[in-house]
């Protein structure tokens, strides 16, 4: 497979990725970066990309909820 110049700049040639379009694990150059999650250190971790993303999103949503409950980050009236 031919590596395009933009792929060499944005993709880790040794990394593993999960392609959202094809629902497959890929290594090195492959589908467009906007269609991929990663890089991950190995194929097994890349295969878990959707679950990892779900867990991270859930954790971020929970952190935001806690932040909102404390009133931090809001403009307070003097």
PDB file of N, CA and C in Angstrom:
ATOM      1  N   UNK A   1       0.837  -1.174   0.000  1.00  0.00           N
ATOM      2  CA  UNK A   1       0.000   0.000   0.000  1.00  0.00           C
ATOM      3  C   UNK A   1       0.884   1.239   0.000  1.00  0.00           C
ATOM      4  N   UNK A   2       0.539   2.187  -0.837  1.00  0.00           N
ATOM      5  CA  UNK A   2       1.295   3.436  -0.939  1.00  0.00           C
ATOM      6  C   UNK A   2       0.900   4.380   0.187  1.00  0.00           C
ATOM      7  N   UNK A   3       1.875   4.943   0.881  1.00  0.00           N
ATOM      8  CA  UNK A   3       1.617   5.896   1.959  1.00  0.00           C
ATOM      9  C   UNK A   3       1.664   7.294   1.370  1.00  0.00           C
ATOM     10  N   UNK A   4       0.576   8.016   1.521  1.00  0.00           N
ATOM     11  CA  UNK A   4       0.506   9.388   1.039  1.00  0.00           C
ATOM     12  C   UNK A   4       1.207  10.301   2.034  1.00  0.00           C
ATOM     13  N   UNK A   5       1.647  11.464   1.587  1.00  0.00           N
ATOM     14  CA  UNK A   5       2.397  12.387   2.438  1.00  0.00           C
ATOM     15  C   UNK A   5       1.608  12.772   3.679  1.00  0.00           C
ATOM     16  N   UNK A   6       0.308  13.054   3.544  1.00  0.00           N
ATOM     17  CA  UNK A   6      -0.491  13.448   4.705  1.00  0.00           C
ATOM     18  C   UNK A   6      -0.636  12.302   5.683  1.00  0.00           C
ATOM     19  N   UNK A   7      -0.653  11.062   5.193  1.00  0.00           N
ATOM     20  CA  UNK A   7      -0.758   9.911   6.092  1.00  0.00           C
ATOM     21  C   UNK A   7       0.507   9.768   6.933  1.00  0.00           C
ATOM     22  N   UNK A   8       1.636  10.010   6.335  1.00  0.00           N
ATOM     23  CA  UNK A   8       2.901   9.893   7.049  1.00  0.00           C
ATOM     24  C   UNK A   8       2.991  10.927   8.166  1.00  0.00           C
ATOM     25  N   UNK A   9       2.362  12.081   7.980  1.00  0.00           N
ATOM     26  CA  UNK A   9       2.408  13.144   8.989  1.00  0.00           C
ATOM     27  C   UNK A   9       1.456  12.901  10.151  1.00  0.00           C
ATOM     28  N   UNK A  10       0.319  12.265   9.927  1.00  0.00           N
ATOM     29  CA  UNK A  10      -0.698  12.174  10.967  1.00  0.00           C
ATOM     30  C   UNK A  10      -0.908  10.785  11.546  1.00  0.00           C
ATOM     31  N   UNK A  11      -0.357   9.764  10.948  1.00  0.00           N
ATOM     32  CA  UNK A  11      -0.592   8.410  11.426  1.00  0.00           C
ATOM     33  C   UNK A  11       0.702   7.746  11.864  1.00  0.00           C
ATOM     34  N   UNK A  12       0.639   7.102  12.997  1.00  0.00           N
ATOM     35  CA  UNK A  12       1.773   6.357  13.520  1.00  0.00           C
ATOM     36  C   UNK A  12       1.910   5.073  12.708  1.00  0.00           C
ATOM     37  N   UNK A  13       3.005   4.878  11.986  1.00  0.00           N
ATOM     38  CA  UNK A  13       3.146   3.684  11.156  1.00  0.00           C
ATOM     39  C   UNK A  13       3.207   2.400  11.981  1.00  0.00           C
ATOM     40  N   UNK A  14       3.511   2.517  13.267  1.00  0.00           N
ATOM     41  CA  UNK A  14       3.574   1.338  14.127  1.00  0.00           C
ATOM     42  C   UNK A  14       2.324   1.177  14.987  1.00  0.00           C
ATOM     43  N   UNK A  15       1.402   2.127  14.868  1.00  0.00           N
ATOM     44  CA  UNK A  15       0.208   2.093  15.703  1.00  0.00           C
ATOM     45  C   UNK A  15      -0.885   1.213  15.115  1.00  0.00           C
ATOM     46  N   UNK A  16      -1.832   0.890  15.980  1.00  0.00           N
ATOM     47  CA  UNK A  16      -3.008   0.121  15.585  1.00  0.00           C
ATOM     48  C   UNK A  16      -4.213   1.028  15.705  1.00  0.00           C
ATOM     49  N   UNK A  17      -5.142   0.893  14.766  1.00  0.00           N
ATOM     50  CA  UNK A  17      -6.305   1.752  14.687  1.00  0.00           C
ATOM     51  C   UNK A  17      -7.574   0.916  14.523  1.00  0.00           C
ATOM     52  N   UNK A  18      -8.711   1.524  14.874  1.00  0.00           N
ATOM     53  CA  UNK A  18     -10.000   0.907  14.604  1.00  0.00           C
ATOM     54  C   UNK A  18     -10.694   1.771  13.568  1.00  0.00           C
ATOM     55  N   UNK A  19     -11.014   1.185  12.417  1.00  0.00           N
ATOM     56  CA  UNK A  19     -11.679   1.908  11.335  1.00  0.00           C
ATOM     57  C   UNK A  19     -13.186   1.904  11.591  1.00  0.00           C
ATOM     58  N   UNK A  20     -13.756   3.096  11.760  1.00  0.00           N
ATOM     59  CA  UNK A  20     -15.186   3.221  12.008  1.00  0.00           C
ATOM     60  C   UNK A  20     -16.017   2.886  10.773  1.00  0.00           C
ATOM     61  N   UNK A  21     -15.464   3.125   9.610  1.00  0.00           N
ATOM     62  CA  UNK A  21     -16.191   2.870   8.370  1.00  0.00           C
ATOM     63  C   UNK A  21     -16.322   1.369   8.100  1.00  0.00           C
ATOM     64  N   UNK A  22     -15.239   0.634   8.283  1.00  0.00           N
ATOM     65  CA  UNK A  22     -15.225  -0.794   7.977  1.00  0.00           C
ATOM     66  C   UNK A  22     -15.408  -1.679   9.206  1.00  0.00           C
ATOM     67  N   UNK A  23     -15.341  -1.064  10.413  1.00  0.00           N
ATOM     68  CA  UNK A  23     -15.453  -1.807  11.672  1.00  0.00           C
ATOM     69  C   UNK A  23     -14.385  -2.887  11.786  1.00  0.00           C
ATOM     70  N   UNK A  24     -13.159  -2.491  11.407  1.00  0.00           N
ATOM     71  CA  UNK A  24     -12.026  -3.423  11.431  1.00  0.00           C
ATOM     72  C   UNK A  24     -10.809  -2.768  12.045  1.00  0.00           C
ATOM     73  N   UNK A  25      -9.951  -3.594  12.615  1.00  0.00           N
ATOM     74  CA  UNK A  25      -8.663  -3.142  13.142  1.00  0.00           C
ATOM     75  C   UNK A  25      -7.690  -3.037  11.980  1.00  0.00           C
ATOM     76  N   UNK A  26      -6.931  -1.947  11.961  1.00  0.00           N
ATOM     77  CA  UNK A  26      -5.930  -1.723  10.912  1.00  0.00           C
ATOM     78  C   UNK A  26      -4.616  -1.317  11.559  1.00  0.00           C
ATOM     79  N   UNK A  27      -3.535  -1.597  10.872  1.00  0.00           N
ATOM     80  CA  UNK A  27      -2.233  -1.122  11.352  1.00  0.00           C
ATOM     81  C   UNK A  27      -1.620  -0.220  10.299  1.00  0.00           C
ATOM     82  N   UNK A  28      -0.813   0.741  10.774  1.00  0.00           N
ATOM     83  CA  UNK A  28      -0.135   1.648   9.860  1.00  0.00           C
ATOM     84  C   UNK A  28      -1.095   2.445   9.009  1.00  0.00           C
ATOM     85  N   UNK A  29      -0.685   2.711   7.789  1.00  0.00           N
ATOM     86  CA  UNK A  29      -1.506   3.492   6.856  1.00  0.00           C
ATOM     87  C   UNK A  29      -2.714   2.666   6.450  1.00  0.00           C
ATOM     88  N   UNK A  30      -3.825   3.320   6.376  1.00  0.00           N
ATOM     89  CA  UNK A  30      -5.058   2.634   5.995  1.00  0.00           C
ATOM     90  C   UNK A  30      -6.086   3.661   5.612  1.00  0.00           C
ATOM     91  N   UNK A  31      -7.241   3.568   6.216  1.00  0.00           N
ATOM     92  CA  UNK A  31      -8.324   4.505   5.926  1.00  0.00           C
ATOM     93  C   UNK A  31      -7.976   5.908   6.421  1.00  0.00           C
ATOM     94  N   UNK A  32      -8.803   6.869   6.028  1.00  0.00           N
ATOM     95  CA  UNK A  32      -8.579   8.265   6.418  1.00  0.00           C
ATOM     96  C   UNK A  32      -8.600   8.397   7.937  1.00  0.00           C
ATOM     97  N   UNK A  33      -7.812   9.313   8.456  1.00  0.00           N
ATOM     98  CA  UNK A  33      -7.722   9.495   9.903  1.00  0.00           C
ATOM     99  C   UNK A  33      -9.059   9.904  10.520  1.00  0.00           C
ATOM    100  N   UNK A  34      -9.903  10.604   9.784  1.00  0.00           N
ATOM    101  CA  UNK A  34     -11.208  10.993  10.334  1.00  0.00           C
ATOM    102  C   UNK A  34     -12.121   9.792  10.525  1.00  0.00           C
ATOM    103  N   UNK A  35     -11.804   8.673   9.900  1.00  0.00           N
ATOM    104  CA  UNK A  35     -12.602   7.455  10.014  1.00  0.00           C
ATOM    105  C   UNK A  35     -12.006   6.453  10.998  1.00  0.00           C
ATOM    106  N   UNK A  36     -10.985   6.882  11.763  1.00  0.00           N
ATOM    107  CA  UNK A  36     -10.282   5.943  12.630  1.00  0.00           C
ATOM    108  C   UNK A  36     -10.208   6.424  14.067  1.00  0.00           C
ATOM    109  N   UNK A  37     -10.131   5.479  14.979  1.00  0.00           N
ATOM    110  CA  UNK A  37      -9.814   5.743  16.379  1.00  0.00           C
ATOM    111  C   UNK A  37      -8.431   5.170  16.624  1.00  0.00           C
ATOM    112  N   UNK A  38      -7.617   5.885  17.366  1.00  0.00           N
ATOM    113  CA  UNK A  38      -6.276   5.398  17.668  1.00  0.00           C
ATOM    114  C   UNK A  38      -5.268   6.502  17.497  1.00  0.00           C
ATOM    115  N   UNK A  39      -4.002   6.201  17.621  1.00  0.00           N
ATOM    116  CA  UNK A  39      -3.436   4.851  17.610  1.00  0.00           C
ATOM    117  C   UNK A  39      -3.502   4.175  18.982  1.00  0.00           C
ATOM    118  N   UNK A  40      -3.488   2.863  18.944  1.00  0.00           N
ATOM    119  CA  UNK A  40      -3.443   2.011  20.116  1.00  0.00           C
ATOM    120  C   UNK A  40      -2.153   1.187  20.055  1.00  0.00           C
ATOM    121  N   UNK A  41      -1.704   0.691  21.207  1.00  0.00           N
ATOM    122  CA  UNK A  41      -0.418  -0.010  21.233  1.00  0.00           C
ATOM    123  C   UNK A  41      -0.420  -1.387  20.576  1.00  0.00           C
ATOM    124  N   UNK A  42      -1.615  -2.005  20.459  1.00  0.00           N
ATOM    125  CA  UNK A  42      -1.672  -3.344  19.867  1.00  0.00           C
ATOM    126  C   UNK A  42      -3.050  -3.588  19.266  1.00  0.00           C
ATOM    127  N   UNK A  43      -3.160  -4.660  18.502  1.00  0.00           N
ATOM    128  CA  UNK A  43      -4.417  -4.965  17.812  1.00  0.00           C
ATOM    129  C   UNK A  43      -5.546  -5.250  18.791  1.00  0.00           C
ATOM    130  N   UNK A  44      -5.253  -5.913  19.888  1.00  0.00           N
ATOM    131  CA  UNK A  44      -6.277  -6.234  20.873  1.00  0.00           C
ATOM    132  C   UNK A  44      -6.901  -4.994  21.484  1.00  0.00           C
ATOM    133  N   UNK A  45      -6.075  -4.020  21.795  1.00  0.00           N
ATOM    134  CA  UNK A  45      -6.584  -2.770  22.356  1.00  0.00           C
ATOM    135  C   UNK A  45      -7.390  -2.015  21.303  1.00  0.00           C
ATOM    136  N   UNK A  46      -6.907  -1.993  20.073  1.00  0.00           N
ATOM    137  CA  UNK A  46      -7.636  -1.329  18.985  1.00  0.00           C
ATOM    138  C   UNK A  46      -9.006  -1.971  18.776  1.00  0.00           C
ATOM    139  N   UNK A  47      -9.092  -3.280  18.951  1.00  0.00           N
ATOM    140  CA  UNK A  47     -10.369  -3.977  18.795  1.00  0.00           C
ATOM    141  C   UNK A  47     -11.376  -3.532  19.856  1.00  0.00           C
ATOM    142  N   UNK A  48     -10.897  -3.013  20.971  1.00  0.00           N
ATOM    143  CA  UNK A  48     -11.756  -2.534  22.056  1.00  0.00           C
ATOM    144  C   UNK A  48     -12.021  -1.027  21.967  1.00  0.00           C
ATOM    145  N   UNK A  49     -11.679  -0.407  20.850  1.00  0.00           N
ATOM    146  CA  UNK A  49     -11.741   1.048  20.699  1.00  0.00           C
ATOM    147  C   UNK A  49     -13.114   1.632  21.009  1.00  0.00           C
ATOM    148  N   UNK A  50     -14.176   1.006  20.557  1.00  0.00           N
ATOM    149  CA  UNK A  50     -15.510   1.554  20.797  1.00  0.00           C
ATOM    150  C   UNK A  50     -15.861   1.511  22.281  1.00  0.00           C
ATOM    151  N   UNK A  51     -15.511   0.441  22.962  1.00  0.00           N
ATOM    152  CA  UNK A  51     -15.767   0.346  24.398  1.00  0.00           C
ATOM    153  C   UNK A  51     -14.911   1.346  25.167  1.00  0.00           C
ATOM    154  N   UNK A  52     -13.662   1.512  24.760  1.00  0.00           N
ATOM    155  CA  UNK A  52     -12.783   2.506  25.391  1.00  0.00           C
ATOM    156  C   UNK A  52     -13.379   3.896  25.221  1.00  0.00           C
ATOM    157  N   UNK A  53     -13.868   4.202  24.026  1.00  0.00           N
ATOM    158  CA  UNK A  53     -14.481   5.510  23.768  1.00  0.00           C
ATOM    159  C   UNK A  53     -15.731   5.700  24.625  1.00  0.00           C
ATOM    160  N   UNK A  54     -16.546   4.648  24.760  1.00  0.00           N
ATOM    161  CA  UNK A  54     -17.745   4.731  25.607  1.00  0.00           C
ATOM    162  C   UNK A  54     -17.368   5.034  27.056  1.00  0.00           C
ATOM    163  N   UNK A  55     -16.367   4.331  27.566  1.00  0.00           N
ATOM    164  CA  UNK A  55     -15.930   4.525  28.951  1.00  0.00           C
ATOM    165  C   UNK A  55     -15.393   5.935  29.163  1.00  0.00           C
ATOM    166  N   UNK A  56     -14.599   6.427  28.221  1.00  0.00           N
ATOM    167  CA  UNK A  56     -14.038   7.780  28.342  1.00  0.00           C
ATOM    168  C   UNK A  56     -15.135   8.835  28.279  1.00  0.00           C
ATOM    169  N   UNK A  57     -16.104   8.639  27.404  1.00  0.00           N
ATOM    170  CA  UNK A  57     -17.214   9.576  27.294  1.00  0.00           C
ATOM    171  C   UNK A  57     -18.030   9.582  28.577  1.00  0.00           C
ATOM    172  N   UNK A  58     -18.296   8.401  29.113  1.00  0.00           N
ATOM    173  CA  UNK A  58     -19.049   8.298  30.363  1.00  0.00           C
ATOM    174  C   UNK A  58     -18.307   9.005  31.498  1.00  0.00           C
ATOM    175  N   UNK A  59     -17.004   8.791  31.592  1.00  0.00           N
ATOM    176  CA  UNK A  59     -16.197   9.436  32.639  1.00  0.00           C
ATOM    177  C   UNK A  59     -16.189  10.956  32.467  1.00  0.00           C
ATOM    178  N   UNK A  60     -16.080  11.421  31.236  1.00  0.00           N
ATOM    179  CA  UNK A  60     -16.085  12.868  30.983  1.00  0.00           C
ATOM    180  C   UNK A  60     -17.449  13.471  31.306  1.00  0.00           C
ATOM    181  N   UNK A  61     -18.528  12.770  30.952  1.00  0.00           N
ATOM    182  CA  UNK A  61     -19.872  13.253  31.268  1.00  0.00           C
ATOM    183  C   UNK A  61     -20.073  13.334  32.779  1.00  0.00           C
ATOM    184  N   UNK A  62     -19.586  12.337  33.505  1.00  0.00           N
ATOM    185  CA  UNK A  62     -19.698  12.331  34.962  1.00  0.00           C
ATOM    186  C   UNK A  62     -18.883  13.471  35.574  1.00  0.00           C
ATOM    187  N   UNK A  63     -17.691  13.694  35.077  1.00  0.00           N
ATOM    188  CA  UNK A  63     -16.856  14.796  35.580  1.00  0.00           C
ATOM    189  C   UNK A  63     -17.535  16.137  35.316  1.00  0.00           C
ATOM    190  N   UNK A  64     -18.149  16.279  34.154  1.00  0.00           N
ATOM    191  CA  UNK A  64     -18.852  17.525  33.833  1.00  0.00           C
ATOM    192  C   UNK A  64     -20.067  17.713  34.742  1.00  0.00           C
ATOM    193  N   UNK A  65     -20.790  16.622  35.013  1.00  0.00           N
ATOM    194  CA  UNK A  65     -21.940  16.700  35.907  1.00  0.00           C
ATOM    195  C   UNK A  65     -21.502  17.148  37.304  1.00  0.00           C
ATOM    196  N   UNK A  66     -20.420  16.550  37.807  1.00  0.00           N
ATOM    197  CA  UNK A  66     -19.912  16.939  39.129  1.00  0.00           C
ATOM    198  C   UNK A  66     -19.473  18.401  39.126  1.00  0.00           C
ATOM    199  N   UNK A  67     -18.839  18.815  38.063  1.00  0.00           N
ATOM    200  CA  UNK A  67     -18.386  20.210  37.929  1.00  0.00           C
ATOM    201  C   UNK A  67     -19.590  21.148  37.975  1.00  0.00           C
ATOM    202  N   UNK A  68     -20.624  20.797  37.221  1.00  0.00           N
ATOM    203  CA  UNK A  68     -21.825  21.630  37.190  1.00  0.00           C
ATOM    204  C   UNK A  68     -22.501  21.700  38.555  1.00  0.00           C
ATOM    205  N   UNK A  69     -22.511  20.607  39.306  1.00  0.00           N
ATOM    206  CA  UNK A  69     -23.149  20.578  40.619  1.00  0.00           C
ATOM    207  C   UNK A  69     -22.434  21.463  41.638  1.00  0.00           C
ATOM    208  N   UNK A  70     -21.150  21.653  41.473  1.00  0.00           N
ATOM    209  CA  UNK A  70     -20.401  22.484  42.416  1.00  0.00           C
ATOM    210  C   UNK A  70     -20.506  23.961  42.072  1.00  0.00           C
ATOM    211  N   UNK A  71     -21.015  24.273  40.875  1.00  0.00           N
ATOM    212  CA  UNK A  71     -21.140  25.657  40.465  1.00  0.00           C
ATOM    213  C   UNK A  71     -19.859  26.225  39.890  1.00  0.00           C
ATOM    214  N   UNK A  72     -18.838  25.426  39.840  1.00  0.00           N
ATOM    215  CA  UNK A  72     -17.574  25.910  39.280  1.00  0.00           C
ATOM    216  C   UNK A  72     -17.718  26.092  37.780  1.00  0.00           C
ATOM    217  N   UNK A  73     -17.020  27.078  37.282  1.00  0.00           N
ATOM    218  CA  UNK A  73     -17.042  27.314  35.848  1.00  0.00           C
ATOM    219  C   UNK A  73     -18.189  28.189  35.391  1.00  0.00           C
ATOM    220  N   UNK A  74     -19.116  28.485  36.313  1.00  0.00           N
ATOM    221  CA  UNK A  74     -20.232  29.354  35.956  1.00  0.00           C
ATOM    222  C   UNK A  74     -19.874  30.806  36.283  1.00  0.00           C
ATOM    223  N   UNK A  75     -20.442  31.707  35.516  1.00  0.00           N
ATOM    224  CA  UNK A  75     -20.286  33.127  35.819  1.00  0.00           C
ATOM    225  C   UNK A  75     -21.168  33.446  37.017  1.00  0.00           C
ATOM    226  N   UNK A  76     -20.568  33.934  38.070  1.00  0.00           N
ATOM    227  CA  UNK A  76     -21.332  34.256  39.268  1.00  0.00           C
ATOM    228  C   UNK A  76     -21.563  35.766  39.320  1.00  0.00           C
ATOM    229  N   UNK A  77     -22.756  36.125  39.748  1.00  0.00           N
ATOM    230  CA  UNK A  77     -23.083  37.546  39.887  1.00  0.00           C
ATOM    231  C   UNK A  77     -22.506  38.077  41.182  1.00  0.00           C
ATOM    232  N   UNK A  78     -21.996  39.273  41.140  1.00  0.00           N
ATOM    233  CA  UNK A  78     -21.438  39.899  42.356  1.00  0.00           C
ATOM    234  C   UNK A  78     -22.510  40.631  43.116  1.00  0.00           C
TER     235      UNK A  78
END
